[in-house]
Amino acid sequence: MMALAFLAGLWTASRRGLREGIAPETVLDLGPWLIIGGILGGRTLYVITFWHEQFAGKPFYEVFMVQKGGLVFYGGLIGSSLAYFFMLA
């Protein structure tokens, strides 16, 4: 479902980009970087926020185990925004 949502968002963004004068190829090239930035940002902020409750005193590799923890949406927003900024700058 997440993959379908990502593809639908890319399709919608490329269609709306045409109205704003942005080439659809630009949107499609930026898409994978936004998803990577969103996942990394969401996980990083989750780990920072819940360090003492879930990660302190446990093996470090648990930081990378998304199936045992989660992501936070505001971290994903920050990560995607940074990816957007660095890719277009």
PDB file of N, CA and C in Angstrom:
ATOM      1  N   MET A   1       0.831  -1.193   0.000  1.00  0.00           N
ATOM      2  CA  MET A   1       0.000   0.000   0.000  1.00  0.00           C
ATOM      3  C   MET A   1       0.877   1.259   0.000  1.00  0.00           C
ATOM      4  N   MET A   2       1.984   1.183   0.719  1.00  0.00           N
ATOM      5  CA  MET A   2       2.872   2.352   0.733  1.00  0.00           C
ATOM      6  C   MET A   2       3.467   2.607  -0.648  1.00  0.00           C
ATOM      7  N   ALA A   3       3.822   1.539  -1.349  1.00  0.00           N
ATOM      8  CA  ALA A   3       4.380   1.694  -2.696  1.00  0.00           C
ATOM      9  C   ALA A   3       3.338   2.294  -3.643  1.00  0.00           C
ATOM     10  N   LEU A   4       2.092   1.839  -3.523  1.00  0.00           N
ATOM     11  CA  LEU A   4       1.033   2.420  -4.354  1.00  0.00           C
ATOM     12  C   LEU A   4       0.807   3.891  -4.020  1.00  0.00           C
ATOM     13  N   ALA A   5       0.857   4.220  -2.746  1.00  0.00           N
ATOM     14  CA  ALA A   5       0.700   5.622  -2.350  1.00  0.00           C
ATOM     15  C   ALA A   5       1.845   6.473  -2.884  1.00  0.00           C
ATOM     16  N   PHE A   6       3.053   5.939  -2.845  1.00  0.00           N
ATOM     17  CA  PHE A   6       4.204   6.658  -3.379  1.00  0.00           C
ATOM     18  C   PHE A   6       4.060   6.877  -4.877  1.00  0.00           C
ATOM     19  N   LEU A   7       3.663   5.845  -5.609  1.00  0.00           N
ATOM     20  CA  LEU A   7       3.485   5.982  -7.059  1.00  0.00           C
ATOM     21  C   LEU A   7       2.348   6.945  -7.398  1.00  0.00           C
ATOM     22  N   ALA A   8       1.268   6.885  -6.646  1.00  0.00           N
ATOM     23  CA  ALA A   8       0.164   7.818  -6.880  1.00  0.00           C
ATOM     24  C   ALA A   8       0.600   9.257  -6.593  1.00  0.00           C
ATOM     25  N   GLY A   9       1.386   9.440  -5.548  1.00  0.00           N
ATOM     26  CA  GLY A   9       1.893  10.785  -5.239  1.00  0.00           C
ATOM     27  C   GLY A   9       2.830  11.308  -6.307  1.00  0.00           C
ATOM     28  N   LEU A  10       3.690  10.432  -6.829  1.00  0.00           N
ATOM     29  CA  LEU A  10       4.583  10.848  -7.917  1.00  0.00           C
ATOM     30  C   LEU A  10       3.798  11.204  -9.172  1.00  0.00           C
ATOM     31  N   TRP A  11       2.795  10.401  -9.486  1.00  0.00           N
ATOM     32  CA  TRP A  11       1.972  10.688 -10.662  1.00  0.00           C
ATOM     33  C   TRP A  11       1.239  12.024 -10.505  1.00  0.00           C
ATOM     34  N   THR A  12       0.655  12.228  -9.330  1.00  0.00           N
ATOM     35  CA  THR A  12      -0.057  13.481  -9.071  1.00  0.00           C
ATOM     36  C   THR A  12       0.891  14.674  -9.120  1.00  0.00           C
ATOM     37  N   ALA A  13       2.064  14.531  -8.532  1.00  0.00           N
ATOM     38  CA  ALA A  13       3.042  15.626  -8.531  1.00  0.00           C
ATOM     39  C   ALA A  13       3.532  15.933  -9.940  1.00  0.00           C
ATOM     40  N   SER A  14       3.727  14.905 -10.749  1.00  0.00           N
ATOM     41  CA  SER A  14       4.186  15.166 -12.118  1.00  0.00           C
ATOM     42  C   SER A  14       3.096  15.854 -12.934  1.00  0.00           C
ATOM     43  N   ARG A  15       1.834  15.504 -12.714  1.00  0.00           N
ATOM     44  CA  ARG A  15       0.721  16.163 -13.413  1.00  0.00           C
ATOM     45  C   ARG A  15       0.572  17.621 -12.962  1.00  0.00           C
ATOM     46  N   ARG A  16       0.700  17.851 -11.673  1.00  0.00           N
ATOM     47  CA  ARG A  16       0.589  19.224 -11.168  1.00  0.00           C
ATOM     48  C   ARG A  16       1.802  20.054 -11.547  1.00  0.00           C
ATOM     49  N   GLY A  17       2.950  19.394 -11.643  1.00  0.00           N
ATOM     50  CA  GLY A  17       4.153  20.096 -12.063  1.00  0.00           C
ATOM     51  C   GLY A  17       4.047  20.637 -13.470  1.00  0.00           C
ATOM     52  N   LEU A  18       3.348  19.919 -14.334  1.00  0.00           N
ATOM     53  CA  LEU A  18       3.138  20.406 -15.700  1.00  0.00           C
ATOM     54  C   LEU A  18       2.424  21.754 -15.705  1.00  0.00           C
ATOM     55  N   ARG A  19       1.440  21.904 -14.829  1.00  0.00           N
ATOM     56  CA  ARG A  19       0.701  23.175 -14.751  1.00  0.00           C
ATOM     57  C   ARG A  19       1.576  24.321 -14.242  1.00  0.00           C
ATOM     58  N   GLU A  20       2.599  23.979 -13.456  1.00  0.00           N
ATOM     59  CA  GLU A  20       3.494  24.999 -12.915  1.00  0.00           C
ATOM     60  C   GLU A  20       4.739  25.209 -13.762  1.00  0.00           C
ATOM     61  N   GLY A  21       4.867  24.443 -14.835  1.00  0.00           N
ATOM     62  CA  GLY A  21       6.018  24.597 -15.711  1.00  0.00           C
ATOM     63  C   GLY A  21       7.218  23.753 -15.313  1.00  0.00           C
ATOM     64  N   ILE A  22       6.979  22.722 -14.504  1.00  0.00           N
ATOM     65  CA  ILE A  22       8.054  21.820 -14.078  1.00  0.00           C
ATOM     66  C   ILE A  22       7.941  20.548 -14.910  1.00  0.00           C
ATOM     67  N   ALA A  23       9.046  20.118 -15.478  1.00  0.00           N
ATOM     68  CA  ALA A  23       9.045  18.913 -16.309  1.00  0.00           C
ATOM     69  C   ALA A  23       8.739  17.685 -15.463  1.00  0.00           C
ATOM     70  N   PRO A  24       7.915  16.768 -15.977  1.00  0.00           N
ATOM     71  CA  PRO A  24       7.616  15.541 -15.212  1.00  0.00           C
ATOM     72  C   PRO A  24       8.859  14.718 -14.897  1.00  0.00           C
ATOM     73  N   GLU A  25       9.873  14.791 -15.753  1.00  0.00           N
ATOM     74  CA  GLU A  25      11.114  14.051 -15.504  1.00  0.00           C
ATOM     75  C   GLU A  25      11.805  14.546 -14.243  1.00  0.00           C
ATOM     76  N   THR A  26      11.712  15.846 -13.984  1.00  0.00           N
ATOM     77  CA  THR A  26      12.308  16.416 -12.778  1.00  0.00           C
ATOM     78  C   THR A  26      11.649  15.834 -11.531  1.00  0.00           C
ATOM     79  N   VAL A  27      10.342  15.747 -11.563  1.00  0.00           N
ATOM     80  CA  VAL A  27       9.604  15.196 -10.426  1.00  0.00           C
ATOM     81  C   VAL A  27       9.946  13.719 -10.244  1.00  0.00           C
ATOM     82  N   LEU A  28       9.998  12.972 -11.335  1.00  0.00           N
ATOM     83  CA  LEU A  28      10.291  11.547 -11.240  1.00  0.00           C
ATOM     84  C   LEU A  28      11.729  11.286 -10.808  1.00  0.00           C
ATOM     85  N   ASP A  29      12.653  12.150 -11.184  1.00  0.00           N
ATOM     86  CA  ASP A  29      14.040  12.013 -10.731  1.00  0.00           C
ATOM     87  C   ASP A  29      14.187  12.343  -9.251  1.00  0.00           C
ATOM     88  N   LEU A  30      13.385  13.252  -8.771  1.00  0.00           N
ATOM     89  CA  LEU A  30      13.456  13.675  -7.376  1.00  0.00           C
ATOM     90  C   LEU A  30      12.760  12.696  -6.439  1.00  0.00           C
ATOM     91  N   GLY A  31      11.791  11.946  -6.944  1.00  0.00           N
ATOM     92  CA  GLY A  31      10.977  11.053  -6.121  1.00  0.00           C
ATOM     93  C   GLY A  31      11.740  10.059  -5.267  1.00  0.00           C
ATOM     94  N   PRO A  32      12.655   9.267  -5.835  1.00  0.00           N
ATOM     95  CA  PRO A  32      13.381   8.302  -4.989  1.00  0.00           C
ATOM     96  C   PRO A  32      14.193   8.965  -3.887  1.00  0.00           C
ATOM     97  N   TRP A  33      14.738  10.128  -4.148  1.00  0.00           N
ATOM     98  CA  TRP A  33      15.501  10.829  -3.105  1.00  0.00           C
ATOM     99  C   TRP A  33      14.589  11.310  -1.991  1.00  0.00           C
ATOM    100  N   LEU A  34      13.380  11.710  -2.341  1.00  0.00           N
ATOM    101  CA  LEU A  34      12.434  12.137  -1.311  1.00  0.00           C
ATOM    102  C   LEU A  34      12.019  10.972  -0.423  1.00  0.00           C
ATOM    103  N   ILE A  35      11.816   9.798  -1.002  1.00  0.00           N
ATOM    104  CA  ILE A  35      11.417   8.653  -0.190  1.00  0.00           C
ATOM    105  C   ILE A  35      12.561   8.190   0.707  1.00  0.00           C
ATOM    106  N   ILE A  36      13.784   8.215   0.199  1.00  0.00           N
ATOM    107  CA  ILE A  36      14.942   7.859   1.027  1.00  0.00           C
ATOM    108  C   ILE A  36      15.107   8.860   2.164  1.00  0.00           C
ATOM    109  N   GLY A  37      15.008  10.144   1.840  1.00  0.00           N
ATOM    110  CA  GLY A  37      15.108  11.178   2.871  1.00  0.00           C
ATOM    111  C   GLY A  37      14.002  11.063   3.903  1.00  0.00           C
ATOM    112  N   GLY A  38      12.796  10.721   3.459  1.00  0.00           N
ATOM    113  CA  GLY A  38      11.683  10.554   4.387  1.00  0.00           C
ATOM    114  C   GLY A  38      11.877   9.391   5.339  1.00  0.00           C
ATOM    115  N   ILE A  39      12.348   8.276   4.822  1.00  0.00           N
ATOM    116  CA  ILE A  39      12.572   7.103   5.679  1.00  0.00           C
ATOM    117  C   ILE A  39      13.714   7.359   6.654  1.00  0.00           C
ATOM    118  N   LEU A  40      14.819   7.897   6.152  1.00  0.00           N
ATOM    119  CA  LEU A  40      15.963   8.163   7.040  1.00  0.00           C
ATOM    120  C   LEU A  40      15.620   9.215   8.089  1.00  0.00           C
ATOM    121  N   GLY A  41      14.944  10.264   7.682  1.00  0.00           N
ATOM    122  CA  GLY A  41      14.567  11.311   8.634  1.00  0.00           C
ATOM    123  C   GLY A  41      13.576  10.814   9.672  1.00  0.00           C
ATOM    124  N   GLY A  42      12.583  10.043   9.223  1.00  0.00           N
ATOM    125  CA  GLY A  42      11.585   9.503  10.146  1.00  0.00           C
ATOM    126  C   GLY A  42      12.186   8.558  11.160  1.00  0.00           C
ATOM    127  N   ARG A  43      13.080   7.698  10.702  1.00  0.00           N
ATOM    128  CA  ARG A  43      13.715   6.748  11.631  1.00  0.00           C
ATOM    129  C   ARG A  43      14.688   7.445  12.572  1.00  0.00           C
ATOM    130  N   THR A  44      15.463   8.376  12.029  1.00  0.00           N
ATOM    131  CA  THR A  44      16.435   9.084  12.867  1.00  0.00           C
ATOM    132  C   THR A  44      15.746   9.840  13.997  1.00  0.00           C
ATOM    133  N   LEU A  45      14.690  10.559  13.676  1.00  0.00           N
ATOM    134  CA  LEU A  45      13.999  11.317  14.720  1.00  0.00           C
ATOM    135  C   LEU A  45      13.269  10.391  15.687  1.00  0.00           C
ATOM    136  N   TYR A  46      12.796   9.250  15.219  1.00  0.00           N
ATOM    137  CA  TYR A  46      12.179   8.271  16.124  1.00  0.00           C
ATOM    138  C   TYR A  46      13.192   7.760  17.137  1.00  0.00           C
ATOM    139  N   VAL A  47      14.378   7.416  16.643  1.00  0.00           N
ATOM    140  CA  VAL A  47      15.426   6.911  17.537  1.00  0.00           C
ATOM    141  C   VAL A  47      15.837   7.979  18.540  1.00  0.00           C
ATOM    142  N   ILE A  48      15.981   9.217  18.090  1.00  0.00           N
ATOM    143  CA  ILE A  48      16.357  10.307  18.993  1.00  0.00           C
ATOM    144  C   ILE A  48      15.270  10.525  20.047  1.00  0.00           C
ATOM    145  N   THR A  49      14.014  10.512  19.620  1.00  0.00           N
ATOM    146  CA  THR A  49      12.904  10.774  20.537  1.00  0.00           C
ATOM    147  C   THR A  49      12.743   9.672  21.582  1.00  0.00           C
ATOM    148  N   PHE A  50      12.871   8.427  21.179  1.00  0.00           N
ATOM    149  CA  PHE A  50      12.619   7.307  22.084  1.00  0.00           C
ATOM    150  C   PHE A  50      13.890   6.582  22.502  1.00  0.00           C
ATOM    151  N   TRP A  51      15.002   7.289  22.534  1.00  0.00           N
ATOM    152  CA  TRP A  51      16.280   6.655  22.863  1.00  0.00           C
ATOM    153  C   TRP A  51      16.244   5.979  24.240  1.00  0.00           C
ATOM    154  N   HIS A  52      15.856   6.716  25.261  1.00  0.00           N
ATOM    155  CA  HIS A  52      15.900   6.180  26.628  1.00  0.00           C
ATOM    156  C   HIS A  52      14.889   5.063  26.843  1.00  0.00           C
ATOM    157  N   GLU A  53      13.723   5.155  26.214  1.00  0.00           N
ATOM    158  CA  GLU A  53      12.685   4.148  26.417  1.00  0.00           C
ATOM    159  C   GLU A  53      12.961   2.843  25.684  1.00  0.00           C
ATOM    160  N   GLN A  54      13.546   2.911  24.472  1.00  0.00           N
ATOM    161  CA  GLN A  54      13.635   1.710  23.657  1.00  0.00           C
ATOM    162  C   GLN A  54      15.035   1.298  23.242  1.00  0.00           C
ATOM    163  N   PHE A  55      16.005   2.196  23.245  1.00  0.00           N
ATOM    164  CA  PHE A  55      17.293   1.865  22.657  1.00  0.00           C
ATOM    165  C   PHE A  55      18.474   1.903  23.629  1.00  0.00           C
ATOM    166  N   ALA A  56      18.347   2.604  24.725  1.00  0.00           N
ATOM    167  CA  ALA A  56      19.459   2.705  25.675  1.00  0.00           C
ATOM    168  C   ALA A  56      19.721   1.346  26.315  1.00  0.00           C
ATOM    169  N   GLY A  57      20.971   0.953  26.337  1.00  0.00           N
ATOM    170  CA  GLY A  57      21.362  -0.298  26.950  1.00  0.00           C
ATOM    171  C   GLY A  57      21.139  -1.531  26.087  1.00  0.00           C
ATOM    172  N   LYS A  58      20.685  -1.359  24.865  1.00  0.00           N
ATOM    173  CA  LYS A  58      20.476  -2.486  23.949  1.00  0.00           C
ATOM    174  C   LYS A  58      21.533  -2.446  22.861  1.00  0.00           C
ATOM    175  N   PRO A  59      21.708  -3.531  22.133  1.00  0.00           N
ATOM    176  CA  PRO A  59      22.697  -3.529  21.049  1.00  0.00           C
ATOM    177  C   PRO A  59      22.392  -2.460  20.008  1.00  0.00           C
ATOM    178  N   PHE A  60      23.452  -1.884  19.437  1.00  0.00           N
ATOM    179  CA  PHE A  60      23.296  -0.768  18.512  1.00  0.00           C
ATOM    180  C   PHE A  60      22.532  -1.143  17.245  1.00  0.00           C
ATOM    181  N   TYR A  61      22.616  -2.399  16.813  1.00  0.00           N
ATOM    182  CA  TYR A  61      21.949  -2.784  15.568  1.00  0.00           C
ATOM    183  C   TYR A  61      20.427  -2.657  15.652  1.00  0.00           C
ATOM    184  N   GLU A  62      19.868  -2.568  16.852  1.00  0.00           N
ATOM    185  CA  GLU A  62      18.421  -2.393  16.988  1.00  0.00           C
ATOM    186  C   GLU A  62      17.950  -1.032  16.494  1.00  0.00           C
ATOM    187  N   VAL A  63      18.873  -0.087  16.360  1.00  0.00           N
ATOM    188  CA  VAL A  63      18.525   1.217  15.802  1.00  0.00           C
ATOM    189  C   VAL A  63      18.028   1.057  14.364  1.00  0.00           C
ATOM    190  N   PHE A  64      18.548   0.078  13.650  1.00  0.00           N
ATOM    191  CA  PHE A  64      18.204  -0.121  12.245  1.00  0.00           C
ATOM    192  C   PHE A  64      17.012  -1.051  12.036  1.00  0.00           C
ATOM    193  N   MET A  65      16.482  -1.620  13.086  1.00  0.00           N
ATOM    194  CA  MET A  65      15.387  -2.581  12.981  1.00  0.00           C
ATOM    195  C   MET A  65      14.048  -1.848  13.004  1.00  0.00           C
ATOM    196  N   VAL A  66      13.616  -1.409  11.836  1.00  0.00           N
ATOM    197  CA  VAL A  66      12.382  -0.630  11.716  1.00  0.00           C
ATOM    198  C   VAL A  66      11.169  -1.453  12.142  1.00  0.00           C
ATOM    199  N   GLN A  67      11.206  -2.756  11.932  1.00  0.00           N
ATOM    200  CA  GLN A  67      10.069  -3.596  12.286  1.00  0.00           C
ATOM    201  C   GLN A  67       9.826  -3.642  13.787  1.00  0.00           C
ATOM    202  N   LYS A  68      10.814  -3.315  14.613  1.00  0.00           N
ATOM    203  CA  LYS A  68      10.637  -3.303  16.068  1.00  0.00           C
ATOM    204  C   LYS A  68      10.287  -1.913  16.590  1.00  0.00           C
ATOM    205  N   GLY A  69      10.439  -0.922  15.775  1.00  0.00           N
ATOM    206  CA  GLY A  69      10.161   0.442  16.214  1.00  0.00           C
ATOM    207  C   GLY A  69       9.237   1.106  15.235  1.00  0.00           C
ATOM    208  N   GLY A  70       9.657   2.238  14.749  1.00  0.00           N
ATOM    209  CA  GLY A  70       8.801   2.924  13.811  1.00  0.00           C
ATOM    210  C   GLY A  70       9.458   4.148  13.218  1.00  0.00           C
ATOM    211  N   LEU A  71       8.609   4.967  12.659  1.00  0.00           N
ATOM    212  CA  LEU A  71       9.007   6.227  12.049  1.00  0.00           C
ATOM    213  C   LEU A  71       8.089   7.311  12.607  1.00  0.00           C
ATOM    214  N   VAL A  72       8.549   8.531  12.609  1.00  0.00           N
ATOM    215  CA  VAL A  72       7.684   9.640  12.980  1.00  0.00           C
ATOM    216  C   VAL A  72       7.499  10.522  11.758  1.00  0.00           C
ATOM    217  N   PHE A  73       6.272  11.009  11.559  1.00  0.00           N
ATOM    218  CA  PHE A  73       5.970  11.722  10.328  1.00  0.00           C
ATOM    219  C   PHE A  73       6.731  13.037  10.220  1.00  0.00           C
ATOM    220  N   TYR A  74       6.938  13.719  11.339  1.00  0.00           N
ATOM    221  CA  TYR A  74       7.642  14.997  11.272  1.00  0.00           C
ATOM    222  C   TYR A  74       9.123  14.803  10.958  1.00  0.00           C
ATOM    223  N   GLY A  75       9.682  13.676  11.332  1.00  0.00           N
ATOM    224  CA  GLY A  75      11.047  13.353  10.924  1.00  0.00           C
ATOM    225  C   GLY A  75      11.115  13.079   9.433  1.00  0.00           C
ATOM    226  N   GLY A  76      10.092  12.389   8.906  1.00  0.00           N
ATOM    227  CA  GLY A  76      10.015  12.153   7.471  1.00  0.00           C
ATOM    228  C   GLY A  76       9.856  13.439   6.692  1.00  0.00           C
ATOM    229  N   LEU A  77       9.077  14.366   7.231  1.00  0.00           N
ATOM    230  CA  LEU A  77       8.907  15.660   6.580  1.00  0.00           C
ATOM    231  C   LEU A  77      10.221  16.429   6.560  1.00  0.00           C
ATOM    232  N   ILE A  78      10.934  16.415   7.655  1.00  0.00           N
ATOM    233  CA  ILE A  78      12.230  17.098   7.716  1.00  0.00           C
ATOM    234  C   ILE A  78      13.228  16.427   6.777  1.00  0.00           C
ATOM    235  N   GLY A  79      13.275  15.100   6.783  1.00  0.00           N
ATOM    236  CA  GLY A  79      14.198  14.372   5.916  1.00  0.00           C
ATOM    237  C   GLY A  79      13.904  14.592   4.442  1.00  0.00           C
ATOM    238  N   SER A  80      12.632  14.564   4.071  1.00  0.00           N
ATOM    239  CA  SER A  80      12.256  14.814   2.677  1.00  0.00           C
ATOM    240  C   SER A  80      12.557  16.250   2.268  1.00  0.00           C
ATOM    241  N   SER A  81      12.326  17.176   3.172  1.00  0.00           N
ATOM    242  CA  SER A  81      12.622  18.583   2.868  1.00  0.00           C
ATOM    243  C   SER A  81      14.115  18.801   2.661  1.00  0.00           C
ATOM    244  N   LEU A  82      14.928  18.155   3.488  1.00  0.00           N
ATOM    245  CA  LEU A  82      16.375  18.268   3.308  1.00  0.00           C
ATOM    246  C   LEU A  82      16.830  17.623   2.003  1.00  0.00           C
ATOM    247  N   ALA A  83      16.247  16.473   1.658  1.00  0.00           N
ATOM    248  CA  ALA A  83      16.588  15.821   0.387  1.00  0.00           C
ATOM    249  C   ALA A  83      16.207  16.713  -0.788  1.00  0.00           C
ATOM    250  N   TYR A  84      15.045  17.330  -0.713  1.00  0.00           N
ATOM    251  CA  TYR A  84      14.601  18.255  -1.759  1.00  0.00           C
ATOM    252  C   TYR A  84      15.557  19.429  -1.891  1.00  0.00           C
ATOM    253  N   PHE A  85      15.939  19.997  -0.758  1.00  0.00           N
ATOM    254  CA  PHE A  85      16.829  21.148  -0.763  1.00  0.00           C
ATOM    255  C   PHE A  85      18.183  20.797  -1.370  1.00  0.00           C
ATOM    256  N   PHE A  86      18.751  19.649  -0.961  1.00  0.00           N
ATOM    257  CA  PHE A  86      20.080  19.275  -1.456  1.00  0.00           C
ATOM    258  C   PHE A  86      20.067  18.834  -2.910  1.00  0.00           C
ATOM    259  N   MET A  87      18.963  18.259  -3.364  1.00  0.00           N
ATOM    260  CA  MET A  87      18.894  17.814  -4.756  1.00  0.00           C
ATOM    261  C   MET A  87      18.681  18.979  -5.729  1.00  0.00           C
ATOM    262  N   LEU A  88      17.991  20.000  -5.287  1.00  0.00           N
ATOM    263  CA  LEU A  88      17.721  21.140  -6.177  1.00  0.00           C
ATOM    264  C   LEU A  88      18.704  22.283  -5.993  1.00  0.00           C
ATOM    265  N   ALA A  89      19.523  22.217  -4.954  1.00  0.00           N
ATOM    266  CA  ALA A  89      20.470  23.310  -4.719  1.00  0.00           C
ATOM    267  C   ALA A  89      21.731  23.147  -5.555  1.00  0.00           C
TER     268      ALA A  89
END
